[in-house]
Amino acid sequence: MLRNFGLPELVIVLLIVIVIFGVGRLGKIGAELGRGIRNFRQALSGEDVDLEEESPESEGA
């Protein structure tokens, strides 16, 4: 089914995602996806994962 999945198809999928989510949210989604992958890799390697990272907003409260 995915044997003929090449560059033109990837561009079409990317354009559809941009239309659905918009460029601004796409960056946030990418950052969340990267953070999730990093946490997954750390969990596989046995390192402690701090899911509740301290944010600047929580420091002031």
PDB file of N, CA and C in Angstrom:
ATOM      1  N   MET A   1       0.818  -1.193   0.000  1.00  0.00           N
ATOM      2  CA  MET A   1       0.000   0.000   0.000  1.00  0.00           C
ATOM      3  C   MET A   1       0.863   1.258   0.000  1.00  0.00           C
ATOM      4  N   LEU A   2       1.917   1.293   0.788  1.00  0.00           N
ATOM      5  CA  LEU A   2       2.769   2.477   0.863  1.00  0.00           C
ATOM      6  C   LEU A   2       4.027   2.340   0.010  1.00  0.00           C
ATOM      7  N   ARG A   3       4.019   1.448  -0.953  1.00  0.00           N
ATOM      8  CA  ARG A   3       5.207   1.232  -1.772  1.00  0.00           C
ATOM      9  C   ARG A   3       5.524   2.436  -2.640  1.00  0.00           C
ATOM     10  N   ASN A   4       4.520   3.129  -3.112  1.00  0.00           N
ATOM     11  CA  ASN A   4       4.734   4.262  -4.008  1.00  0.00           C
ATOM     12  C   ASN A   4       4.575   5.594  -3.290  1.00  0.00           C
ATOM     13  N   PHE A   5       4.948   5.633  -2.033  1.00  0.00           N
ATOM     14  CA  PHE A   5       4.811   6.847  -1.229  1.00  0.00           C
ATOM     15  C   PHE A   5       6.107   7.634  -1.350  1.00  0.00           C
ATOM     16  N   GLY A   6       6.122   8.640  -2.212  1.00  0.00           N
ATOM     17  CA  GLY A   6       7.336   9.391  -2.488  1.00  0.00           C
ATOM     18  C   GLY A   6       7.217  10.845  -2.088  1.00  0.00           C
ATOM     19  N   LEU A   7       8.091  11.662  -2.645  1.00  0.00           N
ATOM     20  CA  LEU A   7       8.151  13.082  -2.320  1.00  0.00           C
ATOM     21  C   LEU A   7       6.858  13.828  -2.657  1.00  0.00           C
ATOM     22  N   PRO A   8       6.266  13.621  -3.832  1.00  0.00           N
ATOM     23  CA  PRO A   8       5.016  14.355  -4.113  1.00  0.00           C
ATOM     24  C   PRO A   8       3.908  14.053  -3.104  1.00  0.00           C
ATOM     25  N   GLU A   9       3.812  12.812  -2.678  1.00  0.00           N
ATOM     26  CA  GLU A   9       2.794  12.454  -1.701  1.00  0.00           C
ATOM     27  C   GLU A   9       3.072  13.094  -0.348  1.00  0.00           C
ATOM     28  N   LEU A  10       4.349  13.145   0.050  1.00  0.00           N
ATOM     29  CA  LEU A  10       4.712  13.796   1.314  1.00  0.00           C
ATOM     30  C   LEU A  10       4.378  15.281   1.289  1.00  0.00           C
ATOM     31  N   VAL A  11       4.612  15.931   0.151  1.00  0.00           N
ATOM     32  CA  VAL A  11       4.294  17.359   0.021  1.00  0.00           C
ATOM     33  C   VAL A  11       2.787  17.571   0.142  1.00  0.00           C
ATOM     34  N   ILE A  12       2.010  16.709  -0.473  1.00  0.00           N
ATOM     35  CA  ILE A  12       0.552  16.831  -0.392  1.00  0.00           C
ATOM     36  C   ILE A  12       0.079  16.654   1.048  1.00  0.00           C
ATOM     37  N   VAL A  13       0.612  15.661   1.746  1.00  0.00           N
ATOM     38  CA  VAL A  13       0.238  15.441   3.147  1.00  0.00           C
ATOM     39  C   VAL A  13       0.627  16.647   3.993  1.00  0.00           C
ATOM     40  N   LEU A  14       1.819  17.199   3.777  1.00  0.00           N
ATOM     41  CA  LEU A  14       2.264  18.373   4.526  1.00  0.00           C
ATOM     42  C   LEU A  14       1.349  19.566   4.273  1.00  0.00           C
ATOM     43  N   LEU A  15       0.955  19.786   3.035  1.00  0.00           N
ATOM     44  CA  LEU A  15       0.043  20.888   2.722  1.00  0.00           C
ATOM     45  C   LEU A  15      -1.312  20.701   3.404  1.00  0.00           C
ATOM     46  N   ILE A  16      -1.808  19.485   3.437  1.00  0.00           N
ATOM     47  CA  ILE A  16      -3.088  19.218   4.106  1.00  0.00           C
ATOM     48  C   ILE A  16      -2.977  19.495   5.599  1.00  0.00           C
ATOM     49  N   VAL A  17      -1.868  19.079   6.213  1.00  0.00           N
ATOM     50  CA  VAL A  17      -1.659  19.316   7.645  1.00  0.00           C
ATOM     51  C   VAL A  17      -1.570  20.810   7.925  1.00  0.00           C
ATOM     52  N   ILE A  18      -0.887  21.559   7.063  1.00  0.00           N
ATOM     53  CA  ILE A  18      -0.775  23.013   7.253  1.00  0.00           C
ATOM     54  C   ILE A  18      -2.148  23.668   7.137  1.00  0.00           C
ATOM     55  N   VAL A  19      -2.956  23.230   6.196  1.00  0.00           N
ATOM     56  CA  VAL A  19      -4.295  23.802   6.036  1.00  0.00           C
ATOM     57  C   VAL A  19      -5.160  23.497   7.257  1.00  0.00           C
ATOM     58  N   ILE A  20      -5.057  22.285   7.785  1.00  0.00           N
ATOM     59  CA  ILE A  20      -5.895  21.893   8.924  1.00  0.00           C
ATOM     60  C   ILE A  20      -5.465  22.601  10.200  1.00  0.00           C
ATOM     61  N   PHE A  21      -4.167  22.577  10.508  1.00  0.00           N
ATOM     62  CA  PHE A  21      -3.691  23.090  11.790  1.00  0.00           C
ATOM     63  C   PHE A  21      -3.184  24.522  11.724  1.00  0.00           C
ATOM     64  N   GLY A  22      -2.761  24.992  10.590  1.00  0.00           N
ATOM     65  CA  GLY A  22      -2.177  26.313  10.482  1.00  0.00           C
ATOM     66  C   GLY A  22      -0.699  26.271  10.817  1.00  0.00           C
ATOM     67  N   VAL A  23       0.029  27.272  10.361  1.00  0.00           N
ATOM     68  CA  VAL A  23       1.479  27.291  10.537  1.00  0.00           C
ATOM     69  C   VAL A  23       1.860  27.474  12.004  1.00  0.00           C
ATOM     70  N   GLY A  24       1.139  28.301  12.743  1.00  0.00           N
ATOM     71  CA  GLY A  24       1.464  28.556  14.149  1.00  0.00           C
ATOM     72  C   GLY A  24       1.338  27.321  15.015  1.00  0.00           C
ATOM     73  N   ARG A  25       0.234  26.617  14.869  1.00  0.00           N
ATOM     74  CA  ARG A  25       0.029  25.405  15.675  1.00  0.00           C
ATOM     75  C   ARG A  25       0.937  24.278  15.230  1.00  0.00           C
ATOM     76  N   LEU A  26       1.365  24.300  13.970  1.00  0.00           N
ATOM     77  CA  LEU A  26       2.233  23.243  13.462  1.00  0.00           C
ATOM     78  C   LEU A  26       3.556  23.234  14.211  1.00  0.00           C
ATOM     79  N   GLY A  27       4.095  24.407  14.538  1.00  0.00           N
ATOM     80  CA  GLY A  27       5.329  24.487  15.320  1.00  0.00           C
ATOM     81  C   GLY A  27       5.155  23.928  16.717  1.00  0.00           C
ATOM     82  N   LYS A  28       4.025  24.236  17.341  1.00  0.00           N
ATOM     83  CA  LYS A  28       3.747  23.714  18.682  1.00  0.00           C
ATOM     84  C   LYS A  28       3.591  22.200  18.655  1.00  0.00           C
ATOM     85  N   ILE A  29       2.919  21.702  17.630  1.00  0.00           N
ATOM     86  CA  ILE A  29       2.733  20.256  17.508  1.00  0.00           C
ATOM     87  C   ILE A  29       4.081  19.575  17.320  1.00  0.00           C
ATOM     88  N   GLY A  30       4.953  20.175  16.510  1.00  0.00           N
ATOM     89  CA  GLY A  30       6.286  19.616  16.303  1.00  0.00           C
ATOM     90  C   GLY A  30       7.103  19.599  17.579  1.00  0.00           C
ATOM     91  N   ALA A  31       6.999  20.665  18.367  1.00  0.00           N
ATOM     92  CA  ALA A  31       7.736  20.720  19.636  1.00  0.00           C
ATOM     93  C   ALA A  31       7.231  19.657  20.604  1.00  0.00           C
ATOM     94  N   GLU A  32       5.923  19.490  20.686  1.00  0.00           N
ATOM     95  CA  GLU A  32       5.349  18.465  21.563  1.00  0.00           C
ATOM     96  C   GLU A  32       5.736  17.064  21.094  1.00  0.00           C
ATOM     97  N   LEU A  33       5.746  16.860  19.789  1.00  0.00           N
ATOM     98  CA  LEU A  33       6.139  15.562  19.247  1.00  0.00           C
ATOM     99  C   LEU A  33       7.603  15.269  19.563  1.00  0.00           C
ATOM    100  N   GLY A  34       8.461  16.272  19.401  1.00  0.00           N
ATOM    101  CA  GLY A  34       9.874  16.098  19.734  1.00  0.00           C
ATOM    102  C   GLY A  34      10.090  15.806  21.206  1.00  0.00           C
ATOM    103  N   ARG A  35       9.359  16.496  22.077  1.00  0.00           N
ATOM    104  CA  ARG A  35       9.468  16.262  23.514  1.00  0.00           C
ATOM    105  C   ARG A  35       9.002  14.843  23.862  1.00  0.00           C
ATOM    106  N   GLY A  36       7.944  14.401  23.212  1.00  0.00           N
ATOM    107  CA  GLY A  36       7.446  13.048  23.454  1.00  0.00           C
ATOM    108  C   GLY A  36       8.437  11.982  23.010  1.00  0.00           C
ATOM    109  N   ILE A  37       9.059  12.190  21.867  1.00  0.00           N
ATOM    110  CA  ILE A  37      10.063  11.236  21.383  1.00  0.00           C
ATOM    111  C   ILE A  37      11.266  11.216  22.311  1.00  0.00           C
ATOM    112  N   ARG A  38      11.691  12.390  22.775  1.00  0.00           N
ATOM    113  CA  ARG A  38      12.830  12.466  23.699  1.00  0.00           C
ATOM    114  C   ARG A  38      12.511  11.734  25.000  1.00  0.00           C
ATOM    115  N   ASN A  39      11.323  11.947  25.548  1.00  0.00           N
ATOM    116  CA  ASN A  39      10.919  11.257  26.777  1.00  0.00           C
ATOM    117  C   ASN A  39      10.843   9.753  26.566  1.00  0.00           C
ATOM    118  N   PHE A  40      10.362   9.342  25.405  1.00  0.00           N
ATOM    119  CA  PHE A  40      10.275   7.916  25.095  1.00  0.00           C
ATOM    120  C   PHE A  40      11.661   7.291  25.037  1.00  0.00           C
ATOM    121  N   ARG A  41      12.603   7.959  24.385  1.00  0.00           N
ATOM    122  CA  ARG A  41      13.972   7.440  24.302  1.00  0.00           C
ATOM    123  C   ARG A  41      14.626   7.376  25.677  1.00  0.00           C
ATOM    124  N   GLN A  42      14.394   8.391  26.502  1.00  0.00           N
ATOM    125  CA  GLN A  42      14.960   8.383  27.851  1.00  0.00           C
ATOM    126  C   GLN A  42      14.362   7.249  28.671  1.00  0.00           C
ATOM    127  N   ALA A  43      13.080   6.987  28.495  1.00  0.00           N
ATOM    128  CA  ALA A  43      12.440   5.894  29.225  1.00  0.00           C
ATOM    129  C   ALA A  43      12.993   4.547  28.774  1.00  0.00           C
ATOM    130  N   LEU A  44      13.274   4.403  27.493  1.00  0.00           N
ATOM    131  CA  LEU A  44      13.844   3.156  26.995  1.00  0.00           C
ATOM    132  C   LEU A  44      15.260   2.935  27.510  1.00  0.00           C
ATOM    133  N   SER A  45      16.017   4.028  27.670  1.00  0.00           N
ATOM    134  CA  SER A  45      17.397   3.892  28.131  1.00  0.00           C
ATOM    135  C   SER A  45      17.472   3.748  29.647  1.00  0.00           C
ATOM    136  N   GLY A  46      16.356   3.928  30.353  1.00  0.00           N
ATOM    137  CA  GLY A  46      16.314   3.732  31.794  1.00  0.00           C
ATOM    138  C   GLY A  46      16.564   4.988  32.597  1.00  0.00           C
ATOM    139  N   GLU A  47      16.696   6.136  31.954  1.00  0.00           N
ATOM    140  CA  GLU A  47      16.893   7.386  32.681  1.00  0.00           C
ATOM    141  C   GLU A  47      15.564   7.832  33.283  1.00  0.00           C
ATOM    142  N   ASP A  48      15.647   8.579  34.402  1.00  0.00           N
ATOM    143  CA  ASP A  48      14.441   9.128  35.011  1.00  0.00           C
ATOM    144  C   ASP A  48      13.908  10.245  34.130  1.00  0.00           C
ATOM    145  N   VAL A  49      12.619  10.226  33.907  1.00  0.00           N
ATOM    146  CA  VAL A  49      11.975  11.232  33.080  1.00  0.00           C
ATOM    147  C   VAL A  49      11.112  12.101  33.969  1.00  0.00           C
ATOM    148  N   ASP A  50      11.352  13.423  33.937  1.00  0.00           N
ATOM    149  CA  ASP A  50      10.551  14.366  34.704  1.00  0.00           C
ATOM    150  C   ASP A  50       9.451  14.884  33.790  1.00  0.00           C
ATOM    151  N   LEU A  51       8.239  14.326  33.921  1.00  0.00           N
ATOM    152  CA  LEU A  51       7.144  14.714  33.054  1.00  0.00           C
ATOM    153  C   LEU A  51       6.631  16.109  33.370  1.00  0.00           C
ATOM    154  N   GLU A  52       6.731  16.520  34.613  1.00  0.00           N
ATOM    155  CA  GLU A  52       6.283  17.845  35.018  1.00  0.00           C
ATOM    156  C   GLU A  52       7.482  18.783  35.052  1.00  0.00           C
ATOM    157  N   GLU A  53       7.924  19.212  33.854  1.00  0.00           N
ATOM    158  CA  GLU A  53       9.050  20.136  33.798  1.00  0.00           C
ATOM    159  C   GLU A  53       8.617  21.472  34.387  1.00  0.00           C
ATOM    160  N   GLU A  54       9.499  22.074  35.144  1.00  0.00           N
ATOM    161  CA  GLU A  54       9.171  23.332  35.797  1.00  0.00           C
ATOM    162  C   GLU A  54       9.196  24.444  34.765  1.00  0.00           C
ATOM    163  N   SER A  55       8.092  25.134  34.636  1.00  0.00           N
ATOM    164  CA  SER A  55       7.985  26.210  33.669  1.00  0.00           C
ATOM    165  C   SER A  55       8.108  27.550  34.382  1.00  0.00           C
ATOM    166  N   PRO A  56       8.437  28.611  33.632  1.00  0.00           N
ATOM    167  CA  PRO A  56       8.559  29.938  34.255  1.00  0.00           C
ATOM    168  C   PRO A  56       7.262  30.400  34.914  1.00  0.00           C
ATOM    169  N   GLU A  57       6.102  29.969  34.392  1.00  0.00           N
ATOM    170  CA  GLU A  57       4.838  30.388  34.991  1.00  0.00           C
ATOM    171  C   GLU A  57       4.667  29.799  36.384  1.00  0.00           C
ATOM    172  N   SER A  58       5.126  28.551  36.589  1.00  0.00           N
ATOM    173  CA  SER A  58       4.926  27.908  37.882  1.00  0.00           C
ATOM    174  C   SER A  58       5.905  28.422  38.935  1.00  0.00           C
ATOM    175  N   GLU A  59       7.018  29.017  38.512  1.00  0.00           N
ATOM    176  CA  GLU A  59       7.987  29.545  39.473  1.00  0.00           C
ATOM    177  C   GLU A  59       7.451  30.778  40.183  1.00  0.00           C
ATOM    178  N   GLY A  60       6.674  31.598  39.489  1.00  0.00           N
ATOM    179  CA  GLY A  60       6.173  32.836  40.066  1.00  0.00           C
ATOM    180  C   GLY A  60       4.983  32.633  40.981  1.00  0.00           C
ATOM    181  N   ALA A  61       4.335  31.514  40.911  1.00  0.00           N
ATOM    182  CA  ALA A  61       3.118  31.288  41.698  1.00  0.00           C
ATOM    183  C   ALA A  61       3.391  30.903  43.117  1.00  0.00           C
TER     184      ALA A  61
END
